[in-house]
Amino acid sequence: MQRKIDQLEPFQRAISKAHLASAGISIDSLEDPDRPLIAIANSWNEVCPGHEPLRQLAAEVKKGILEAGGEPIEFNTIGMCDGVAQGHPGMRYCLPHRDLITDSCEAMIVGEGVFDGVVYMGSCDKIIPGMLNAAARIDLPSAIVTAGPCYDEIRPSESKALRARFLRGEATEREVIEGTLRYYTGPGVCPFLGTANTMGCLSEGLGMMLPYGALWPSSTSQRRFSARQTGARVVDLVRRGIRPSDIMTQASLDNAVRLLASIGGSLNAMVHLPALARELGLEVTWDKVADITSRTPVVCDVVPNGDISCINLYKAGGVPAVLKTIEGDLDTSVMTVTGRTLGENLDREVQVDRAVIRTQDDSASVCNGIQVLYGNLASEGALVKTSAVPAGQHVWTGRAQVFNSEEEAFAAYNRHAITAGTGVVVRYEGPKGGPGMKELHRVTEIMKGIPNSAVITDGRFSGASGGLSVGYLCPEALDGGAIALVRDGDEIHVDLSKNLIELHVSDEELAARRATWKPVIRENGGHLLKRYAEQVESAKAGAVLR
């Protein structure tokens, strides 16, 4: 092993070591050629509850690195909380900040040019994907550490009922806050199977995280031990020359898609996995995912697919138990950060609670947890989390009520202007049109109180969203997709059994509307979003930047 720092030109090597010594790295460590320098890319902050524990966990990672004979060097990057950013224009920054995280890691790690390996520390929706993308792009021996899900004291349905009471005017703000703190009991990842826990599980399924690393609960000894062990493992990966490109192969990406389908994970993975594949020079397409999900049963009912949390999934055996359950569908020859193959990791007794994680042939294990819909309203595709859609809405027809922003939809709801059976169309919230592709979780929450309604949008959804929520429509409104031509009162038809979403308007009428159509150009209020709108590709392409 030859360290990066020792490959520098002699004069610069001496100066670089002097600067690092000035920051507190011992001269002896810098002079030891067998002591790799391991970066810790930490998104710790005091804004996001999923990130607040990462400062303590970084201390554990450092212990593991030191014990294995490496030298840890920590730096920070950003990490937004989607829960705080929901329901207002700030949500437009959440998806773009995924790429800021990747770029900032590249700038620090490649720019400094002295690191031999990396431990990426992040917990939430865009942060884990941003760090996976960085690991793929930079390709130094690496692993992922998260804070893990927080414990919940009440069932997800109780938390939802409390929010519904507030929307009906039957609960105070204080009651919502105090009641919610029984669901989010402390720092850690939100307890449901949202994008954060989904991407944690997929990191483990990809082989970029130690077994059980996704779901060890926050603020537990096992979570701390896992962080410490990860530090040591990355030192070993450096010495063995095992890189992310050796781990995140096409086969491991396909494994991750099967895991996503099996747990009924967040639709946002359908943006993040194509983006990760792009960084790796590989491919994950919506059609390929749809083919896999059509043949892969959902084997657990974590909220929003049911009424249990990720803590229940952890107690039932965690990701290893799910992987063991679907082992026959996986390529188990792929490498992992343990230095062993997935098959070798699973070649042990794995405890599985079948009351939580069903077998694939169980009558309750139904395929198509995630579907791609096509039709004249979404010629390039739209996504729906079928596992969270009530059976009575798998075939649905309703009249459109059209809004050019999330804010317009909220205003109509507050005027009690949305009626039962309505298809709420929220457009110009795509990657370019937003700009930034807002997550419309608050819209899906309020629509649950309106019977037989649907949400149809070119924006995104939270992993916690349920009901008939069809999103990520491509082409988006700003690109002239058919969603831009919908008018109030138009009939929309969805048939999940046929992967179909149709606007019951003739081609001739749509052509006439297009002739007079002018896109809605939203003032974005900042240079970052303007630049993002100019560079971003479609949701189907992973919302990557050109």
Protein backbone atom coordinates (compact mmCIF):
# COMPACT_ATOMS: atom_id res chain seq x y z
CA MET A 1 0.00 0.00 0.00
CA GLN A 2 1.33 3.42 -0.95
CA ARG A 3 -0.48 6.28 0.70
CA LYS A 4 -1.86 9.18 -1.35
CA ILE A 5 0.13 11.71 0.63
CA ASP A 6 3.37 9.84 -0.03
CA GLN A 7 2.76 10.08 -3.79
CA LEU A 8 3.00 13.87 -3.71
CA GLU A 9 6.08 15.70 -5.02
CA PRO A 10 8.60 15.76 -2.11
CA PHE A 11 8.42 19.48 -1.34
CA GLN A 12 4.61 19.53 -1.49
CA ARG A 13 4.51 16.33 0.59
CA ALA A 14 6.46 18.05 3.33
CA ILE A 15 4.26 21.15 3.22
CA SER A 16 1.03 19.10 3.20
CA LYS A 17 2.21 17.12 6.22
CA ALA A 18 3.12 20.36 7.97
CA HIS A 19 -0.37 21.75 7.45
CA LEU A 20 -2.01 18.54 8.69
CA ALA A 21 0.29 18.52 11.71
CA SER A 22 -0.76 22.10 12.40
CA ALA A 23 -4.36 20.85 12.51
CA GLY A 24 -3.43 18.26 15.15
CA ILE A 25 -2.34 15.14 13.26
CA SER A 26 0.79 13.75 14.88
CA ILE A 27 4.01 13.91 12.90
CA ASP A 28 4.70 10.26 13.67
CA SER A 29 1.36 9.24 12.12
CA LEU A 30 2.09 11.28 9.03
CA GLU A 31 5.54 9.71 8.72
CA ASP A 32 4.31 6.12 9.10
CA PRO A 33 3.89 4.74 5.54
CA ASP A 34 1.65 1.92 6.81
CA ARG A 35 -0.84 4.30 8.45
CA PRO A 36 -3.54 5.25 5.87
CA LEU A 37 -5.27 8.61 6.19
CA ILE A 38 -9.04 8.07 6.39
CA ALA A 39 -11.41 10.96 5.75
CA ILE A 40 -14.66 11.15 7.71
CA ALA A 41 -17.19 13.06 5.61
CA ASN A 42 -19.76 13.98 8.26
CA SER A 43 -23.07 15.77 7.66
CA TRP A 44 -23.59 16.34 11.39
CA ASN A 45 -25.73 19.34 12.30
CA GLU A 46 -28.23 20.47 14.95
CA VAL A 47 -31.09 21.12 12.49
CA CYS A 48 -31.85 17.61 11.31
CA PRO A 49 -32.78 15.02 14.00
CA GLY A 50 -31.28 12.25 11.89
CA HIS A 51 -27.93 14.01 11.96
CA GLU A 52 -27.68 15.20 15.55
CA PRO A 53 -26.20 11.84 16.74
CA LEU A 54 -23.48 11.82 14.07
CA ARG A 55 -20.99 13.84 16.13
CA GLN A 56 -20.86 11.11 18.79
CA LEU A 57 -20.83 8.37 16.15
CA ALA A 58 -17.89 10.06 14.40
CA ALA A 59 -15.94 9.69 17.64
CA GLU A 60 -16.66 5.95 17.49
CA VAL A 61 -15.60 5.78 13.83
CA LYS A 62 -12.31 7.45 14.79
CA LYS A 63 -11.71 4.85 17.50
CA GLY A 64 -12.16 2.08 14.96
CA ILE A 65 -9.81 3.73 12.48
CA LEU A 66 -7.13 4.25 15.12
CA GLU A 67 -7.46 0.71 16.47
CA ALA A 68 -7.01 -0.68 12.95
CA GLY A 69 -3.86 1.38 12.40
CA GLY A 70 -5.29 4.27 10.39
CA GLU A 71 -5.41 8.01 11.02
CA PRO A 72 -8.87 9.71 10.96
CA ILE A 73 -9.41 13.23 9.61
CA GLU A 74 -12.93 14.63 9.82
CA PHE A 75 -14.66 17.32 7.77
CA ASN A 76 -18.29 18.38 7.47
CA THR A 77 -20.82 18.92 4.72
CA ILE A 78 -24.46 20.03 4.77
CA GLY A 79 -27.61 18.03 5.47
CA MET A 80 -31.14 19.44 5.22
CA CYS A 81 -34.15 18.11 7.13
CA ASP A 82 -37.05 17.46 4.77
CA GLY A 83 -39.47 17.55 7.69
CA VAL A 84 -38.54 21.17 8.45
CA ALA A 85 -38.49 22.10 4.76
CA GLN A 86 -41.94 20.62 3.98
CA GLY A 87 -44.87 22.70 2.82
CA HIS A 88 -43.01 25.88 1.84
CA PRO A 89 -40.60 27.05 -0.90
CA GLY A 90 -37.58 25.79 1.01
CA MET A 91 -38.42 22.25 -0.15
CA ARG A 92 -37.14 23.28 -3.59
CA TYR A 93 -33.60 23.08 -2.19
CA CYS A 94 -33.79 19.53 -0.87
CA LEU A 95 -33.21 17.55 -4.05
CA PRO A 96 -30.60 20.01 -5.41
CA HIS A 97 -28.65 19.73 -2.18
CA ARG A 98 -28.01 16.05 -2.94
CA ASP A 99 -25.66 17.20 -5.68
CA LEU A 100 -24.13 19.89 -3.48
CA ILE A 101 -23.18 17.16 -0.99
CA THR A 102 -21.61 15.01 -3.70
CA ASP A 103 -19.70 17.97 -5.10
CA SER A 104 -18.53 19.14 -1.68
CA CYS A 105 -17.17 15.67 -0.88
CA GLU A 106 -15.40 15.59 -4.24
CA ALA A 107 -13.93 19.04 -3.63
CA MET A 108 -12.58 18.11 -0.20
CA ILE A 109 -11.40 14.57 -0.88
CA VAL A 110 -10.09 14.88 -4.42
CA GLY A 111 -9.04 18.49 -3.93
CA GLU A 112 -6.89 17.80 -0.87
CA GLY A 113 -5.47 14.70 -2.53
CA VAL A 114 -4.16 13.05 0.65
CA PHE A 115 -6.89 10.61 1.72
CA ASP A 116 -6.70 6.85 1.25
CA GLY A 117 -10.24 5.93 2.29
CA VAL A 118 -13.50 7.53 3.41
CA VAL A 119 -16.24 6.93 5.95
CA TYR A 120 -19.35 8.77 4.76
CA MET A 121 -21.71 9.75 7.58
CA GLY A 122 -25.26 10.83 6.75
CA SER A 123 -28.74 9.81 7.75
CA CYS A 124 -31.50 11.32 5.69
CA ASP A 125 -33.33 11.56 2.42
CA LYS A 126 -30.89 13.23 0.02
CA ILE A 127 -27.78 12.95 2.16
CA ILE A 128 -27.28 9.20 1.94
CA PRO A 129 -27.78 9.26 -1.85
CA GLY A 130 -25.43 12.24 -2.15
CA MET A 131 -22.75 10.35 -0.25
CA LEU A 132 -23.27 7.14 -2.21
CA ASN A 133 -22.82 9.20 -5.36
CA ALA A 134 -19.62 10.67 -3.93
CA ALA A 135 -18.30 7.21 -3.06
CA ALA A 136 -19.01 6.08 -6.60
CA ARG A 137 -17.47 9.17 -8.20
CA ILE A 138 -14.31 9.35 -6.09
CA ASP A 139 -13.87 5.55 -5.80
CA LEU A 140 -11.66 5.44 -2.73
CA PRO A 141 -12.27 2.53 -0.31
CA SER A 142 -15.40 3.63 1.56
CA ALA A 143 -18.38 2.72 3.72
CA ILE A 144 -21.58 4.40 4.87
CA VAL A 145 -22.65 5.10 8.48
CA THR A 146 -26.06 6.45 9.50
CA ALA A 147 -27.58 7.37 12.87
CA GLY A 148 -30.27 4.68 12.61
CA PRO A 149 -34.02 5.06 13.21
CA CYS A 150 -35.36 6.53 16.42
CA TYR A 151 -37.65 4.51 18.67
CA ASP A 152 -41.40 5.10 18.46
CA GLU A 153 -43.70 4.82 21.48
CA ILE A 154 -46.97 5.04 19.54
CA ARG A 155 -48.12 3.33 16.37
CA PRO A 156 -47.85 5.18 13.07
CA SER A 157 -51.65 5.25 12.81
CA GLU A 158 -51.83 7.11 16.13
CA SER A 159 -49.44 9.77 14.84
CA LYS A 160 -51.48 10.13 11.65
CA ALA A 161 -54.71 10.38 13.65
CA LEU A 162 -53.23 13.21 15.72
CA ARG A 163 -52.31 15.14 12.58
CA ALA A 164 -55.78 14.57 11.16
CA ARG A 165 -57.29 15.95 14.38
CA PHE A 166 -55.20 19.10 14.01
CA LEU A 167 -56.34 19.55 10.39
CA ARG A 168 -59.96 19.29 11.58
CA GLY A 169 -59.31 21.90 14.26
CA GLU A 170 -59.63 19.38 17.08
CA ALA A 171 -56.05 19.52 18.41
CA THR A 172 -53.78 22.39 19.37
CA GLU A 173 -50.30 23.02 18.03
CA ARG A 174 -48.84 22.08 21.41
CA GLU A 175 -50.74 18.80 21.40
CA VAL A 176 -49.38 17.99 17.94
CA ILE A 177 -45.82 18.76 19.04
CA GLU A 178 -46.00 16.76 22.26
CA GLY A 179 -47.87 13.88 20.62
CA THR A 180 -45.40 13.73 17.73
CA LEU A 181 -42.54 13.45 20.22
CA ARG A 182 -44.01 10.11 21.24
CA TYR A 183 -43.50 8.99 17.63
CA TYR A 184 -40.16 10.75 17.06
CA THR A 185 -38.90 10.10 20.58
CA GLY A 186 -35.43 11.53 20.09
CA PRO A 187 -32.61 12.14 17.62
CA GLY A 188 -32.34 9.64 14.81
CA VAL A 189 -33.90 8.84 11.47
CA CYS A 190 -37.70 9.14 11.31
CA PRO A 191 -39.19 5.76 12.31
CA PHE A 192 -41.20 5.09 9.14
CA LEU A 193 -40.01 3.58 5.85
CA GLY A 194 -39.41 6.94 4.20
CA THR A 195 -36.59 7.77 1.86
CA ALA A 196 -34.07 7.99 4.70
CA ASN A 197 -34.58 4.46 6.01
CA THR A 198 -35.11 3.16 2.47
CA MET A 199 -31.74 4.50 1.33
CA GLY A 200 -30.11 3.20 4.51
CA CYS A 201 -31.50 -0.26 3.76
CA LEU A 202 -30.39 -0.03 0.13
CA SER A 203 -26.89 1.02 1.21
CA GLU A 204 -26.72 -2.19 3.22
CA GLY A 205 -28.20 -4.17 0.34
CA LEU A 206 -25.63 -2.66 -2.03
CA GLY A 207 -22.85 -3.86 0.25
CA MET A 208 -21.73 -0.35 1.23
CA MET A 209 -22.74 -0.72 4.87
CA LEU A 210 -22.03 -3.36 7.49
CA PRO A 211 -24.74 -5.98 8.08
CA TYR A 212 -27.51 -4.64 10.35
CA GLY A 213 -26.03 -1.15 9.92
CA ALA A 214 -29.19 0.34 8.42
CA LEU A 215 -31.59 -0.39 11.26
CA TRP A 216 -29.63 -0.59 14.52
CA PRO A 217 -31.67 1.98 16.49
CA SER A 218 -30.27 5.42 17.16
CA SER A 219 -28.55 6.14 20.46
CA THR A 220 -27.90 2.47 21.24
CA SER A 221 -24.67 0.69 22.05
CA GLN A 222 -25.04 -1.50 18.96
CA ARG A 223 -25.26 1.60 16.79
CA ARG A 224 -22.05 2.90 18.34
CA PHE A 225 -20.29 -0.47 17.99
CA SER A 226 -21.31 -0.61 14.32
CA ALA A 227 -19.82 2.85 13.70
CA ARG A 228 -16.59 1.83 15.41
CA GLN A 229 -16.39 -1.38 13.40
CA THR A 230 -17.00 0.56 10.17
CA GLY A 231 -13.94 2.72 10.82
CA ALA A 232 -11.82 -0.39 11.19
CA ARG A 233 -13.34 -2.00 8.10
CA VAL A 234 -12.44 0.95 5.88
CA VAL A 235 -8.79 0.71 6.95
CA ASP A 236 -8.91 -2.95 5.93
CA LEU A 237 -10.55 -2.06 2.59
CA VAL A 238 -7.69 0.37 1.91
CA ARG A 239 -5.08 -2.29 2.61
CA ARG A 240 -6.89 -4.80 0.44
CA GLY A 241 -7.57 -2.31 -2.35
CA ILE A 242 -11.34 -2.89 -2.37
CA ARG A 243 -13.12 0.13 -3.84
CA PRO A 244 -16.79 1.12 -4.26
CA SER A 245 -16.56 0.15 -7.95
CA ASP A 246 -15.71 -3.39 -6.79
CA ILE A 247 -18.80 -3.41 -4.57
CA MET A 248 -21.43 -1.36 -6.43
CA THR A 249 -21.63 -3.40 -9.62
CA GLN A 250 -24.60 -3.91 -11.94
CA ALA A 251 -25.40 -7.09 -10.02
CA SER A 252 -25.44 -5.28 -6.68
CA LEU A 253 -27.64 -2.51 -8.11
CA ASP A 254 -30.08 -5.19 -9.28
CA ASN A 255 -29.96 -6.69 -5.79
CA ALA A 256 -30.78 -3.27 -4.35
CA VAL A 257 -33.81 -2.97 -6.63
CA ARG A 258 -35.05 -6.38 -5.45
CA LEU A 259 -34.60 -5.28 -1.85
CA LEU A 260 -36.46 -2.04 -2.60
CA ALA A 261 -39.33 -4.03 -4.07
CA SER A 262 -39.38 -6.50 -1.18
CA ILE A 263 -39.69 -3.85 1.52
CA GLY A 264 -42.02 -1.57 -0.46
CA GLY A 265 -39.53 1.28 -0.11
CA SER A 266 -39.71 4.94 -1.03
CA LEU A 267 -40.45 6.08 -4.57
CA ASN A 268 -37.58 8.54 -4.24
CA ALA A 269 -35.24 5.58 -4.69
CA MET A 270 -36.42 5.67 -8.31
CA VAL A 271 -34.63 9.01 -8.61
CA HIS A 272 -31.59 8.13 -6.53
CA LEU A 273 -30.74 4.70 -7.95
CA PRO A 274 -30.58 5.92 -11.59
CA ALA A 275 -28.37 8.81 -10.42
CA LEU A 276 -26.05 6.41 -8.57
CA ALA A 277 -25.90 4.12 -11.59
CA ARG A 278 -24.93 7.11 -13.75
CA GLU A 279 -21.99 7.86 -11.45
CA LEU A 280 -20.90 4.24 -11.76
CA GLY A 281 -21.22 4.14 -15.54
CA LEU A 282 -24.04 1.61 -15.13
CA GLU A 283 -27.80 1.78 -15.61
CA VAL A 284 -30.97 1.54 -13.57
CA THR A 285 -34.05 2.34 -15.62
CA TRP A 286 -37.65 2.72 -14.51
CA ASP A 287 -38.69 -0.03 -16.91
CA LYS A 288 -36.14 -2.43 -15.45
CA VAL A 289 -37.30 -1.59 -11.94
CA ALA A 290 -40.92 -2.10 -12.99
CA ASP A 291 -40.04 -5.51 -14.42
CA ILE A 292 -38.32 -6.55 -11.19
CA THR A 293 -41.08 -5.20 -8.92
CA SER A 294 -43.74 -6.96 -11.00
CA ARG A 295 -42.11 -10.26 -10.06
CA THR A 296 -41.00 -9.45 -6.50
CA PRO A 297 -43.47 -9.66 -3.60
CA VAL A 298 -43.57 -7.13 -0.77
CA VAL A 299 -42.74 -9.20 2.31
CA CYS A 300 -43.23 -6.65 5.12
CA ASP A 301 -45.75 -3.93 5.90
CA VAL A 302 -43.74 -1.10 7.39
CA VAL A 303 -45.58 2.24 7.31
CA PRO A 304 -46.84 3.58 4.88
CA ASN A 305 -47.51 0.03 3.64
CA GLY A 306 -48.90 -0.98 7.04
CA ASP A 307 -48.97 0.10 10.67
CA ILE A 308 -45.56 -0.90 12.00
CA SER A 309 -42.29 1.04 12.08
CA CYS A 310 -38.69 0.39 11.09
CA ILE A 311 -38.00 -0.50 14.72
CA ASN A 312 -40.36 -3.46 14.26
CA LEU A 313 -38.40 -4.43 11.15
CA TYR A 314 -35.14 -4.17 13.11
CA LYS A 315 -36.53 -6.43 15.84
CA ALA A 316 -37.65 -8.92 13.19
CA GLY A 317 -34.08 -9.34 11.92
CA GLY A 318 -33.41 -6.17 9.93
CA VAL A 319 -32.06 -6.06 6.40
CA PRO A 320 -30.14 -9.37 6.73
CA ALA A 321 -33.44 -11.10 7.50
CA VAL A 322 -35.05 -9.61 4.39
CA LEU A 323 -32.01 -10.51 2.27
CA LYS A 324 -32.11 -14.06 3.65
CA THR A 325 -35.80 -14.24 2.77
CA ILE A 326 -35.18 -13.23 -0.86
CA GLU A 327 -31.75 -14.87 -1.16
CA GLY A 328 -32.85 -17.04 -4.07
CA ASP A 329 -33.49 -13.91 -6.18
CA LEU A 330 -30.14 -12.27 -5.41
CA ASP A 331 -26.67 -12.47 -6.90
CA THR A 332 -24.85 -13.42 -3.72
CA SER A 333 -21.40 -13.39 -5.34
CA VAL A 334 -21.14 -9.58 -5.03
CA MET A 335 -18.49 -8.05 -2.75
CA THR A 336 -19.37 -6.03 0.36
CA VAL A 337 -17.53 -3.71 2.76
CA THR A 338 -17.00 -6.64 5.10
CA GLY A 339 -14.42 -7.89 2.61
CA ARG A 340 -16.65 -10.91 2.08
CA THR A 341 -19.35 -11.62 -0.49
CA LEU A 342 -23.03 -11.16 0.23
CA GLY A 343 -23.40 -14.93 0.19
CA GLU A 344 -20.67 -15.29 2.82
CA ASN A 345 -22.36 -12.64 4.96
CA LEU A 346 -25.65 -14.55 4.72
CA ASP A 347 -24.03 -17.95 5.30
CA ARG A 348 -24.92 -17.85 8.97
CA GLU A 349 -27.98 -18.27 11.10
CA VAL A 350 -30.16 -15.19 10.60
CA GLN A 351 -33.08 -14.81 12.99
CA VAL A 352 -36.30 -13.88 11.16
CA ASP A 353 -39.64 -13.01 12.77
CA ARG A 354 -42.16 -14.26 10.22
CA ALA A 355 -44.92 -12.25 11.90
CA VAL A 356 -43.20 -9.18 10.44
CA ILE A 357 -41.14 -10.47 7.48
CA ARG A 358 -43.28 -12.91 5.49
CA THR A 359 -42.04 -15.55 3.08
CA GLN A 360 -42.33 -14.68 -0.60
CA ASP A 361 -45.00 -17.33 -1.14
CA ASP A 362 -47.20 -16.06 1.69
CA SER A 363 -50.66 -15.11 0.40
CA ALA A 364 -50.19 -11.61 1.81
CA SER A 365 -46.92 -11.09 -0.11
CA VAL A 366 -48.16 -9.35 -3.25
CA CYS A 367 -46.02 -8.07 -6.13
CA ASN A 368 -46.01 -4.58 -7.67
CA GLY A 369 -45.10 -2.59 -4.57
CA ILE A 370 -43.88 0.11 -6.97
CA GLN A 371 -45.31 0.58 -10.45
CA VAL A 372 -44.51 2.68 -13.49
CA LEU A 373 -47.63 3.96 -15.21
CA TYR A 374 -47.88 5.05 -18.84
CA GLY A 375 -50.56 6.74 -20.91
CA ASN A 376 -51.26 10.00 -22.67
CA LEU A 377 -50.85 11.86 -19.37
CA ALA A 378 -47.37 10.38 -18.80
CA SER A 379 -45.88 9.28 -22.10
CA GLU A 380 -42.46 8.74 -20.49
CA GLY A 381 -43.82 7.32 -17.25
CA ALA A 382 -45.13 8.14 -13.79
CA LEU A 383 -44.61 6.41 -10.45
CA VAL A 384 -47.01 5.10 -7.83
CA LYS A 385 -46.32 3.22 -4.60
CA THR A 386 -48.99 0.58 -5.09
CA SER A 387 -48.32 -1.09 -1.74
CA ALA A 388 -49.63 2.08 -0.03
CA VAL A 389 -52.74 2.49 -2.23
CA PRO A 390 -56.06 1.18 -0.83
CA ALA A 391 -57.38 -1.76 -2.87
CA GLY A 392 -60.53 0.20 -3.68
CA GLN A 393 -58.49 2.79 -5.58
CA HIS A 394 -56.48 0.46 -7.80
CA VAL A 395 -58.95 1.41 -10.52
CA TRP A 396 -60.00 5.05 -10.19
CA THR A 397 -61.70 7.72 -12.28
CA GLY A 398 -62.21 11.32 -11.22
CA ARG A 399 -62.40 14.93 -12.32
CA ALA A 400 -59.29 17.07 -12.34
CA GLN A 401 -58.79 20.15 -10.22
CA VAL A 402 -55.64 21.83 -11.46
CA PHE A 403 -53.06 23.85 -9.52
CA ASN A 404 -49.83 25.34 -10.78
CA SER A 405 -48.09 24.99 -7.41
CA GLU A 406 -48.31 23.27 -4.06
CA GLU A 407 -49.27 26.58 -2.48
CA GLU A 408 -52.33 26.91 -4.75
CA ALA A 409 -53.48 23.44 -3.75
CA PHE A 410 -53.14 24.28 -0.05
CA ALA A 411 -55.11 27.50 -0.49
CA ALA A 412 -57.96 25.60 -2.17
CA TYR A 413 -57.97 23.02 0.62
CA ASN A 414 -58.15 25.75 3.26
CA ARG A 415 -61.14 27.25 1.40
CA HIS A 416 -62.78 23.79 1.49
CA ALA A 417 -62.82 23.97 -2.31
CA ILE A 418 -61.65 20.38 -2.95
CA THR A 419 -64.44 17.80 -2.98
CA ALA A 420 -64.61 14.02 -2.76
CA GLY A 421 -63.57 12.11 -5.86
CA THR A 422 -61.26 14.87 -7.08
CA GLY A 423 -57.98 14.30 -8.87
CA VAL A 424 -55.78 17.10 -7.55
CA VAL A 425 -53.28 17.90 -10.29
CA VAL A 426 -50.24 19.82 -8.98
CA ARG A 427 -47.91 20.80 -11.79
CA TYR A 428 -44.79 22.91 -12.41
CA GLU A 429 -43.19 21.16 -9.43
CA GLY A 430 -40.81 18.99 -11.49
CA PRO A 431 -37.02 19.23 -11.42
CA LYS A 432 -36.99 22.15 -13.88
CA GLY A 433 -40.40 23.62 -13.22
CA GLY A 434 -40.09 23.84 -9.44
CA PRO A 435 -37.24 24.33 -9.83
CA GLY A 436 -36.00 21.64 -7.50
CA MET A 437 -38.83 19.06 -7.58
CA LYS A 438 -40.58 19.63 -4.29
CA GLU A 439 -41.78 16.72 -2.21
CA LEU A 440 -45.56 17.07 -1.82
CA HIS A 441 -45.98 15.08 1.37
CA ARG A 442 -48.17 17.73 3.01
CA VAL A 443 -50.53 17.62 0.01
CA THR A 444 -50.87 13.84 0.29
CA GLU A 445 -51.54 14.23 4.03
CA ILE A 446 -54.39 16.71 3.62
CA MET A 447 -55.91 14.72 0.75
CA LYS A 448 -56.32 11.68 3.00
CA GLY A 449 -59.20 13.55 4.61
CA ILE A 450 -61.04 13.84 1.27
CA PRO A 451 -62.69 10.52 0.26
CA ASN A 452 -61.75 8.78 -2.99
CA SER A 453 -59.34 11.54 -4.00
CA ALA A 454 -56.03 11.31 -5.81
CA VAL A 455 -52.90 13.42 -6.16
CA ILE A 456 -51.27 13.59 -9.60
CA THR A 457 -48.09 15.62 -10.00
CA ASP A 458 -44.76 16.09 -11.72
CA GLY A 459 -43.34 16.65 -8.24
CA ARG A 460 -42.12 14.03 -5.77
CA PHE A 461 -43.56 12.28 -2.73
CA SER A 462 -42.20 11.48 0.68
CA GLY A 463 -41.52 7.84 1.36
CA ALA A 464 -44.24 8.19 4.00
CA SER A 465 -46.89 9.20 1.46
CA GLY A 466 -49.80 6.86 0.90
CA GLY A 467 -53.13 6.80 -0.87
CA LEU A 468 -53.51 7.13 -4.64
CA SER A 469 -50.52 9.39 -5.19
CA VAL A 470 -49.15 9.37 -8.74
CA GLY A 471 -46.04 11.48 -9.18
CA TYR A 472 -42.73 12.05 -10.97
CA LEU A 473 -44.72 12.48 -14.23
CA CYS A 474 -42.49 12.68 -17.28
CA PRO A 475 -42.32 14.84 -19.31
CA GLU A 476 -42.90 17.45 -16.63
CA ALA A 477 -45.13 20.48 -17.22
CA LEU A 478 -42.30 22.90 -17.98
CA ASP A 479 -41.09 20.57 -20.73
CA GLY A 480 -44.54 20.57 -22.30
CA GLY A 481 -45.75 17.26 -20.89
CA ALA A 482 -49.47 16.54 -21.15
CA ILE A 483 -49.89 17.45 -17.47
CA ALA A 484 -49.42 21.08 -18.60
CA LEU A 485 -52.54 20.80 -20.76
CA VAL A 486 -54.97 19.43 -18.15
CA ARG A 487 -57.94 21.68 -17.31
CA ASP A 488 -60.39 21.72 -14.43
CA GLY A 489 -63.11 19.14 -14.96
CA ASP A 490 -61.12 16.86 -17.29
CA GLU A 491 -61.62 13.19 -16.52
CA ILE A 492 -58.56 11.22 -15.43
CA HIS A 493 -58.48 7.43 -15.29
CA VAL A 494 -55.96 5.27 -13.41
CA ASP A 495 -55.85 1.48 -13.67
CA LEU A 496 -53.00 -0.06 -11.73
CA SER A 497 -53.78 -3.52 -13.11
CA LYS A 498 -52.89 -2.16 -16.55
CA ASN A 499 -50.07 0.23 -15.53
CA LEU A 500 -52.25 2.97 -17.03
CA ILE A 501 -52.87 6.66 -16.44
CA GLU A 502 -55.08 8.34 -19.03
CA LEU A 503 -56.49 11.82 -19.58
CA HIS A 504 -59.89 11.39 -21.25
CA VAL A 505 -59.38 14.25 -23.69
CA SER A 506 -59.08 13.74 -27.45
CA ASP A 507 -55.79 14.14 -29.27
CA GLU A 508 -57.37 16.93 -31.32
CA GLU A 509 -58.37 18.88 -28.22
CA LEU A 510 -54.94 18.41 -26.66
CA ALA A 511 -53.32 19.68 -29.87
CA ALA A 512 -55.55 22.77 -29.79
CA ARG A 513 -54.62 23.43 -26.16
CA ARG A 514 -50.93 23.02 -26.92
CA ALA A 515 -51.16 25.63 -29.67
CA THR A 516 -52.03 28.29 -27.07
CA TRP A 517 -50.03 26.90 -24.14
CA LYS A 518 -47.48 29.05 -22.37
CA PRO A 519 -45.36 27.56 -19.59
CA VAL A 520 -45.49 28.94 -16.07
CA ILE A 521 -42.04 30.29 -15.23
CA ARG A 522 -41.62 30.55 -11.47
CA GLU A 523 -39.39 33.12 -9.84
CA ASN A 524 -36.93 30.99 -7.91
CA GLY A 525 -35.32 33.67 -5.78
CA GLY A 526 -31.78 32.37 -5.90
CA HIS A 527 -28.84 31.65 -8.14
CA LEU A 528 -28.59 28.02 -7.01
CA LEU A 529 -32.09 27.11 -8.21
CA LYS A 530 -31.69 29.05 -11.45
CA ARG A 531 -28.50 27.15 -12.23
CA TYR A 532 -30.16 23.88 -11.21
CA ALA A 533 -33.11 24.45 -13.55
CA GLU A 534 -30.71 25.05 -16.44
CA GLN A 535 -28.69 21.88 -15.82
CA VAL A 536 -31.04 19.24 -14.37
CA GLU A 537 -32.32 16.30 -16.37
CA SER A 538 -35.67 14.58 -15.91
CA ALA A 539 -36.78 12.63 -12.86
CA LYS A 540 -36.63 9.47 -14.95
CA ALA A 541 -32.92 10.11 -15.58
CA GLY A 542 -32.34 10.53 -11.84
CA ALA A 543 -32.56 14.34 -11.84
CA VAL A 544 -28.83 14.36 -12.50
CA LEU A 545 -27.03 17.49 -13.64
CA ARG A 546 -25.79 17.74 -17.19
